[in-house]
Amino acid sequence: MPAGRPLAFYGRGPLWLAAALAARVAPAKFYVFDARFYGWMLPPRAILNSSRDNREFTLAAQETEAGIRLRFDPRPQYHVLHPRPIHLPPLPAAAPVTLDGKMPIWLIAALAQALRDRPHLAACDPRLGREVVFWRNP
């Protein structure tokens, strides 16, 4: 896959695959297909080191021995998440990040593009029972 070229992703697969593709093409546009609600869409932008909360979900950062675990938790009263700008809490600059939680494809793609300067990015894959490193900073 050529880096830095726009790309569209459609089909079934693990979320970490979409995240890997999104990180690879950044800063170019990366379109994803959201079959449940939105069809073709661009993931929203992520705002790093924000003190604001996300309205429909939380992104909680927890320091671990391996780096930072960024845990996604939807708020129960919201059944549909709308693609708005994503507010990320302050994270240590050089720490690897693991994305955790059942999130929409557009959200993991946005996080992967925003955090691609980290040493590596991983995602928890419950089907495999482990973390999958999907991006290493070249």
N, C-alpha and C. Protein backbone atom coordinates (compact mmCIF):
# COMPACT_ATOMS: atom_id res chain seq x y z
N MET A 1 0.84 -1.18 0.00
CA MET A 1 0.00 0.00 0.00
C MET A 1 0.89 1.24 0.00
N PRO A 2 0.65 2.13 -0.92
CA PRO A 2 1.43 3.37 -0.90
C PRO A 2 1.02 4.25 0.28
N ALA A 3 1.98 4.79 0.98
CA ALA A 3 1.70 5.69 2.10
C ALA A 3 1.29 7.05 1.55
N GLY A 4 0.45 7.75 2.31
CA GLY A 4 0.10 9.12 1.98
C GLY A 4 -0.85 9.27 0.80
N ARG A 5 -1.49 8.20 0.36
CA ARG A 5 -2.44 8.27 -0.75
C ARG A 5 -3.84 8.00 -0.22
N PRO A 6 -4.85 8.73 -0.68
CA PRO A 6 -6.23 8.50 -0.21
C PRO A 6 -6.65 7.04 -0.42
N LEU A 7 -7.50 6.56 0.48
CA LEU A 7 -7.93 5.17 0.43
C LEU A 7 -9.34 5.07 0.98
N ALA A 8 -10.11 4.12 0.45
CA ALA A 8 -11.44 3.81 0.97
C ALA A 8 -11.43 2.35 1.40
N PHE A 9 -12.06 2.06 2.54
CA PHE A 9 -12.09 0.71 3.10
C PHE A 9 -13.53 0.25 3.24
N TYR A 10 -13.79 -0.92 2.66
CA TYR A 10 -15.13 -1.50 2.72
C TYR A 10 -14.98 -3.00 2.97
N GLY A 11 -15.81 -3.52 3.82
CA GLY A 11 -15.82 -4.96 4.02
C GLY A 11 -15.67 -5.34 5.48
N ARG A 12 -15.78 -6.64 5.70
CA ARG A 12 -15.66 -7.16 7.06
C ARG A 12 -14.21 -7.45 7.38
N GLY A 13 -13.90 -7.30 8.61
CA GLY A 13 -12.55 -7.57 9.06
C GLY A 13 -12.40 -7.03 10.46
N PRO A 14 -11.28 -7.34 11.10
CA PRO A 14 -11.07 -6.82 12.45
C PRO A 14 -10.86 -5.31 12.43
N LEU A 15 -11.24 -4.65 13.50
CA LEU A 15 -11.08 -3.19 13.57
C LEU A 15 -9.64 -2.77 13.43
N TRP A 16 -8.71 -3.58 13.93
CA TRP A 16 -7.31 -3.20 13.84
C TRP A 16 -6.83 -3.13 12.39
N LEU A 17 -7.47 -3.86 11.48
CA LEU A 17 -7.10 -3.78 10.06
C LEU A 17 -7.44 -2.40 9.51
N ALA A 18 -8.64 -1.91 9.80
CA ALA A 18 -9.02 -0.56 9.37
C ALA A 18 -8.10 0.47 10.00
N ALA A 19 -7.75 0.28 11.27
CA ALA A 19 -6.86 1.22 11.95
C ALA A 19 -5.47 1.22 11.30
N ALA A 20 -4.96 0.05 10.94
CA ALA A 20 -3.65 -0.04 10.29
C ALA A 20 -3.66 0.69 8.95
N LEU A 21 -4.70 0.51 8.18
CA LEU A 21 -4.80 1.20 6.89
C LEU A 21 -4.92 2.70 7.07
N ALA A 22 -5.71 3.12 8.04
CA ALA A 22 -5.88 4.55 8.30
C ALA A 22 -4.55 5.19 8.70
N ALA A 23 -3.79 4.52 9.56
CA ALA A 23 -2.49 5.05 9.98
C ALA A 23 -1.53 5.10 8.80
N ARG A 24 -1.58 4.10 7.93
CA ARG A 24 -0.66 4.02 6.78
C ARG A 24 -0.86 5.16 5.81
N VAL A 25 -2.11 5.53 5.53
CA VAL A 25 -2.35 6.56 4.50
C VAL A 25 -2.32 7.98 5.06
N ALA A 26 -2.37 8.14 6.38
CA ALA A 26 -2.37 9.49 6.97
C ALA A 26 -1.13 10.25 6.50
N PRO A 27 -1.26 11.50 6.22
CA PRO A 27 -2.39 12.41 6.46
C PRO A 27 -3.41 12.46 5.33
N ALA A 28 -3.32 11.55 4.36
CA ALA A 28 -4.31 11.52 3.28
C ALA A 28 -5.68 11.11 3.83
N LYS A 29 -6.70 11.35 3.04
CA LYS A 29 -8.06 10.99 3.45
C LYS A 29 -8.23 9.48 3.46
N PHE A 30 -8.96 9.01 4.46
CA PHE A 30 -9.27 7.59 4.60
C PHE A 30 -10.77 7.47 4.81
N TYR A 31 -11.45 6.92 3.85
CA TYR A 31 -12.90 6.74 3.93
C TYR A 31 -13.21 5.34 4.44
N VAL A 32 -14.19 5.24 5.32
CA VAL A 32 -14.66 3.94 5.79
C VAL A 32 -16.14 3.83 5.48
N PHE A 33 -16.60 2.60 5.38
CA PHE A 33 -18.02 2.36 5.14
C PHE A 33 -18.65 1.90 6.43
N ASP A 34 -19.59 2.68 6.95
CA ASP A 34 -20.32 2.36 8.16
C ASP A 34 -21.69 1.83 7.72
N ALA A 35 -21.83 0.51 7.72
CA ALA A 35 -23.04 -0.12 7.19
C ALA A 35 -24.27 0.13 8.06
N ARG A 36 -24.07 0.40 9.33
CA ARG A 36 -25.22 0.55 10.23
C ARG A 36 -25.91 1.91 10.11
N PHE A 37 -25.11 2.99 9.96
CA PHE A 37 -25.74 4.30 10.07
C PHE A 37 -25.36 5.31 8.99
N TYR A 38 -24.11 5.34 8.57
CA TYR A 38 -23.65 6.49 7.81
C TYR A 38 -23.23 6.23 6.37
N GLY A 39 -23.04 4.99 5.98
CA GLY A 39 -22.51 4.72 4.64
C GLY A 39 -21.06 5.18 4.56
N TRP A 40 -20.65 5.67 3.40
CA TRP A 40 -19.27 6.15 3.24
C TRP A 40 -19.06 7.42 4.03
N MET A 41 -17.95 7.49 4.74
CA MET A 41 -17.69 8.67 5.56
C MET A 41 -16.20 8.84 5.84
N LEU A 42 -15.83 10.06 6.11
CA LEU A 42 -14.49 10.37 6.61
C LEU A 42 -14.55 10.34 8.13
N PRO A 43 -13.60 9.68 8.78
CA PRO A 43 -13.60 9.74 10.25
C PRO A 43 -13.42 11.19 10.72
N PRO A 44 -14.01 11.52 11.85
CA PRO A 44 -13.86 12.89 12.37
C PRO A 44 -12.43 13.15 12.82
N ARG A 45 -12.11 14.40 12.98
CA ARG A 45 -10.77 14.75 13.45
C ARG A 45 -10.67 14.51 14.96
N ALA A 46 -9.47 14.24 15.38
CA ALA A 46 -9.21 14.03 16.80
C ALA A 46 -8.44 15.22 17.34
N ILE A 47 -8.84 15.68 18.51
CA ILE A 47 -8.20 16.81 19.16
C ILE A 47 -7.36 16.26 20.31
N LEU A 48 -6.04 16.37 20.15
CA LEU A 48 -5.11 15.82 21.14
C LEU A 48 -5.01 16.73 22.35
N ASN A 49 -4.72 16.13 23.49
CA ASN A 49 -4.50 16.86 24.76
C ASN A 49 -5.66 17.79 25.10
N SER A 50 -6.86 17.30 24.93
CA SER A 50 -8.05 18.10 25.20
C SER A 50 -8.53 17.86 26.63
N SER A 51 -9.06 18.89 27.23
CA SER A 51 -9.63 18.75 28.57
C SER A 51 -11.15 18.53 28.49
N ARG A 52 -11.70 18.55 27.27
CA ARG A 52 -13.15 18.36 27.10
C ARG A 52 -13.50 16.88 27.08
N ASP A 53 -14.72 16.60 27.48
CA ASP A 53 -15.25 15.24 27.42
C ASP A 53 -15.94 15.02 26.09
N ASN A 54 -15.99 13.76 25.67
CA ASN A 54 -16.80 13.39 24.52
C ASN A 54 -18.22 13.14 25.02
N ARG A 55 -19.18 13.64 24.31
CA ARG A 55 -20.56 13.60 24.78
C ARG A 55 -21.11 12.18 24.90
N GLU A 56 -20.81 11.34 23.91
CA GLU A 56 -21.47 10.04 23.83
C GLU A 56 -20.65 8.86 24.35
N PHE A 57 -19.39 9.12 24.69
CA PHE A 57 -18.53 8.05 25.17
C PHE A 57 -17.37 8.64 25.96
N THR A 58 -16.65 7.75 26.65
CA THR A 58 -15.44 8.19 27.35
C THR A 58 -14.24 7.49 26.73
N LEU A 59 -13.12 8.17 26.77
CA LEU A 59 -11.82 7.61 26.41
C LEU A 59 -10.94 7.81 27.63
N ALA A 60 -10.75 6.75 28.39
CA ALA A 60 -9.98 6.83 29.63
C ALA A 60 -8.58 6.29 29.39
N ALA A 61 -7.57 7.07 29.75
CA ALA A 61 -6.18 6.67 29.60
C ALA A 61 -5.67 6.07 30.90
N GLN A 62 -5.08 4.89 30.80
CA GLN A 62 -4.51 4.21 31.96
C GLN A 62 -3.07 3.85 31.64
N GLU A 63 -2.15 4.24 32.51
CA GLU A 63 -0.75 3.88 32.31
C GLU A 63 -0.54 2.43 32.71
N THR A 64 0.16 1.69 31.85
CA THR A 64 0.50 0.30 32.13
C THR A 64 2.01 0.14 31.93
N GLU A 65 2.52 -1.05 32.19
CA GLU A 65 3.95 -1.30 31.98
C GLU A 65 4.32 -1.18 30.50
N ALA A 66 3.37 -1.49 29.62
CA ALA A 66 3.64 -1.49 28.18
C ALA A 66 3.39 -0.13 27.53
N GLY A 67 2.83 0.81 28.26
CA GLY A 67 2.50 2.12 27.69
C GLY A 67 1.18 2.64 28.21
N ILE A 68 0.36 3.11 27.30
CA ILE A 68 -0.95 3.68 27.66
C ILE A 68 -2.05 2.81 27.07
N ARG A 69 -3.04 2.49 27.89
CA ARG A 69 -4.24 1.80 27.40
C ARG A 69 -5.33 2.86 27.33
N LEU A 70 -5.86 3.06 26.15
CA LEU A 70 -6.93 4.04 25.94
C LEU A 70 -8.23 3.27 25.80
N ARG A 71 -9.04 3.32 26.85
CA ARG A 71 -10.25 2.51 26.95
C ARG A 71 -11.46 3.29 26.49
N PHE A 72 -12.19 2.73 25.52
CA PHE A 72 -13.43 3.30 25.00
C PHE A 72 -14.60 2.69 25.76
N ASP A 73 -15.49 3.54 26.28
CA ASP A 73 -16.73 3.09 26.91
C ASP A 73 -17.86 3.99 26.45
N PRO A 74 -18.88 3.40 25.77
CA PRO A 74 -20.03 4.21 25.37
C PRO A 74 -20.86 4.57 26.60
N ARG A 75 -21.51 5.70 26.53
CA ARG A 75 -22.42 6.08 27.62
C ARG A 75 -23.76 5.41 27.34
N PRO A 76 -24.36 4.78 28.34
CA PRO A 76 -25.55 3.94 28.10
C PRO A 76 -26.72 4.64 27.42
N GLN A 77 -26.89 5.92 27.62
CA GLN A 77 -28.05 6.60 27.07
C GLN A 77 -27.93 6.87 25.57
N TYR A 78 -26.75 6.64 24.98
CA TYR A 78 -26.54 6.89 23.56
C TYR A 78 -26.43 5.57 22.82
N HIS A 79 -27.41 5.31 21.97
CA HIS A 79 -27.41 4.06 21.20
C HIS A 79 -26.67 4.22 19.88
N VAL A 80 -26.64 5.43 19.36
CA VAL A 80 -25.95 5.73 18.11
C VAL A 80 -24.90 6.79 18.40
N LEU A 81 -23.67 6.53 18.00
CA LEU A 81 -22.60 7.51 18.18
C LEU A 81 -22.48 8.34 16.91
N HIS A 82 -22.52 9.64 17.06
CA HIS A 82 -22.40 10.53 15.91
C HIS A 82 -20.95 10.94 15.73
N PRO A 83 -20.48 10.93 14.50
CA PRO A 83 -19.07 11.27 14.25
C PRO A 83 -18.80 12.77 14.43
N ARG A 84 -18.45 13.13 15.63
CA ARG A 84 -18.08 14.50 15.98
C ARG A 84 -16.58 14.54 16.24
N PRO A 85 -15.99 15.72 16.34
CA PRO A 85 -14.58 15.75 16.74
C PRO A 85 -14.37 14.96 18.04
N ILE A 86 -13.27 14.24 18.09
CA ILE A 86 -12.97 13.37 19.22
C ILE A 86 -11.96 14.06 20.12
N HIS A 87 -12.27 14.13 21.38
CA HIS A 87 -11.36 14.76 22.35
C HIS A 87 -10.57 13.67 23.07
N LEU A 88 -9.25 13.76 22.92
CA LEU A 88 -8.36 12.79 23.56
C LEU A 88 -7.73 13.43 24.80
N PRO A 89 -7.66 12.69 25.89
CA PRO A 89 -7.01 13.23 27.09
C PRO A 89 -5.52 13.38 26.85
N PRO A 90 -4.84 14.16 27.68
CA PRO A 90 -3.38 14.25 27.55
C PRO A 90 -2.74 12.88 27.73
N LEU A 91 -1.79 12.57 26.84
CA LEU A 91 -1.09 11.29 26.88
C LEU A 91 0.42 11.58 26.86
N PRO A 92 1.21 10.79 27.58
CA PRO A 92 2.66 10.97 27.49
C PRO A 92 3.11 10.84 26.04
N ALA A 93 3.96 11.75 25.59
CA ALA A 93 4.31 11.87 24.17
C ALA A 93 4.97 10.64 23.57
N ALA A 94 5.82 9.97 24.29
CA ALA A 94 6.59 8.88 23.70
C ALA A 94 6.04 7.49 24.03
N ALA A 95 4.87 7.43 24.63
CA ALA A 95 4.33 6.14 25.07
C ALA A 95 3.57 5.43 23.95
N PRO A 96 3.78 4.11 23.81
CA PRO A 96 2.94 3.34 22.91
C PRO A 96 1.49 3.37 23.43
N VAL A 97 0.54 3.20 22.53
CA VAL A 97 -0.88 3.26 22.91
C VAL A 97 -1.58 1.98 22.45
N THR A 98 -2.39 1.42 23.35
CA THR A 98 -3.25 0.29 23.03
C THR A 98 -4.69 0.77 23.10
N LEU A 99 -5.44 0.55 22.04
CA LEU A 99 -6.85 0.93 21.97
C LEU A 99 -7.68 -0.26 22.45
N ASP A 100 -8.61 0.01 23.35
CA ASP A 100 -9.37 -1.06 23.99
C ASP A 100 -10.84 -0.68 24.01
N GLY A 101 -11.70 -1.64 23.75
CA GLY A 101 -13.14 -1.42 23.80
C GLY A 101 -13.77 -1.61 22.43
N LYS A 102 -15.06 -1.90 22.44
CA LYS A 102 -15.81 -2.15 21.20
C LYS A 102 -16.27 -0.81 20.63
N MET A 103 -15.51 -0.29 19.67
CA MET A 103 -15.78 1.02 19.12
C MET A 103 -16.15 0.92 17.65
N PRO A 104 -16.82 1.94 17.12
CA PRO A 104 -17.13 1.93 15.69
C PRO A 104 -15.87 2.05 14.84
N ILE A 105 -15.96 1.57 13.62
CA ILE A 105 -14.82 1.57 12.72
C ILE A 105 -14.31 2.99 12.46
N TRP A 106 -15.21 3.97 12.37
CA TRP A 106 -14.77 5.33 12.09
C TRP A 106 -13.99 5.91 13.27
N LEU A 107 -14.30 5.46 14.48
CA LEU A 107 -13.60 5.97 15.66
C LEU A 107 -12.18 5.40 15.74
N ILE A 108 -12.02 4.10 15.53
CA ILE A 108 -10.68 3.54 15.60
C ILE A 108 -9.80 4.07 14.47
N ALA A 109 -10.40 4.33 13.30
CA ALA A 109 -9.63 4.91 12.19
C ALA A 109 -9.16 6.32 12.55
N ALA A 110 -10.03 7.10 13.15
CA ALA A 110 -9.66 8.47 13.55
C ALA A 110 -8.55 8.45 14.61
N LEU A 111 -8.66 7.55 15.58
CA LEU A 111 -7.64 7.45 16.63
C LEU A 111 -6.30 7.00 16.05
N ALA A 112 -6.33 6.05 15.13
CA ALA A 112 -5.09 5.57 14.51
C ALA A 112 -4.40 6.68 13.74
N GLN A 113 -5.16 7.49 13.02
CA GLN A 113 -4.55 8.58 12.27
C GLN A 113 -3.98 9.64 13.21
N ALA A 114 -4.69 9.92 14.28
CA ALA A 114 -4.24 10.96 15.21
C ALA A 114 -3.03 10.54 16.03
N LEU A 115 -2.89 9.25 16.30
CA LEU A 115 -1.85 8.76 17.21
C LEU A 115 -0.71 8.05 16.48
N ARG A 116 -0.63 8.17 15.18
CA ARG A 116 0.35 7.42 14.39
C ARG A 116 1.80 7.83 14.63
N ASP A 117 2.03 8.90 15.36
CA ASP A 117 3.41 9.30 15.65
C ASP A 117 3.97 8.56 16.89
N ARG A 118 3.17 7.74 17.53
CA ARG A 118 3.60 6.96 18.70
C ARG A 118 4.56 5.85 18.28
N PRO A 119 5.37 5.32 19.22
CA PRO A 119 6.28 4.22 18.87
C PRO A 119 5.55 3.04 18.24
N HIS A 120 4.39 2.70 18.81
CA HIS A 120 3.53 1.72 18.15
C HIS A 120 2.11 1.86 18.68
N LEU A 121 1.18 1.37 17.87
CA LEU A 121 -0.24 1.34 18.24
C LEU A 121 -0.69 -0.11 18.20
N ALA A 122 -1.55 -0.46 19.16
CA ALA A 122 -2.10 -1.81 19.22
C ALA A 122 -3.60 -1.70 19.51
N ALA A 123 -4.29 -2.78 19.25
CA ALA A 123 -5.71 -2.86 19.57
C ALA A 123 -5.97 -4.20 20.24
N CYS A 124 -6.87 -4.20 21.21
CA CYS A 124 -7.27 -5.45 21.85
C CYS A 124 -8.22 -6.18 20.91
N ASP A 125 -7.96 -7.45 20.65
CA ASP A 125 -8.82 -8.26 19.80
C ASP A 125 -9.37 -9.40 20.65
N PRO A 126 -10.64 -9.29 21.08
CA PRO A 126 -11.20 -10.32 21.96
C PRO A 126 -11.29 -11.69 21.29
N ARG A 127 -11.43 -11.73 19.96
CA ARG A 127 -11.50 -13.02 19.29
C ARG A 127 -10.17 -13.77 19.37
N LEU A 128 -9.08 -13.03 19.37
CA LEU A 128 -7.75 -13.65 19.49
C LEU A 128 -7.31 -13.76 20.95
N GLY A 129 -7.96 -12.99 21.83
CA GLY A 129 -7.60 -12.99 23.24
C GLY A 129 -6.27 -12.32 23.52
N ARG A 130 -5.90 -11.35 22.68
CA ARG A 130 -4.63 -10.64 22.88
C ARG A 130 -4.66 -9.30 22.16
N GLU A 131 -3.59 -8.56 22.36
CA GLU A 131 -3.41 -7.29 21.65
C GLU A 131 -2.73 -7.55 20.32
N VAL A 132 -3.11 -6.75 19.31
CA VAL A 132 -2.48 -6.84 18.00
C VAL A 132 -1.82 -5.50 17.72
N VAL A 133 -0.51 -5.53 17.52
CA VAL A 133 0.20 -4.30 17.15
C VAL A 133 -0.05 -4.10 15.66
N PHE A 134 -0.73 -2.99 15.32
CA PHE A 134 -1.07 -2.75 13.92
C PHE A 134 -0.27 -1.63 13.29
N TRP A 135 0.52 -0.90 14.09
CA TRP A 135 1.31 0.21 13.55
C TRP A 135 2.58 0.37 14.33
N ARG A 136 3.67 0.43 13.63
CA ARG A 136 4.96 0.78 14.23
C ARG A 136 5.44 2.01 13.53
N ASN A 137 5.87 2.98 14.32
CA ASN A 137 6.33 4.23 13.74
C ASN A 137 7.66 3.98 13.04
N PRO A 138 7.70 4.28 11.74
CA PRO A 138 8.94 4.01 10.99
C PRO A 138 10.10 4.85 11.48
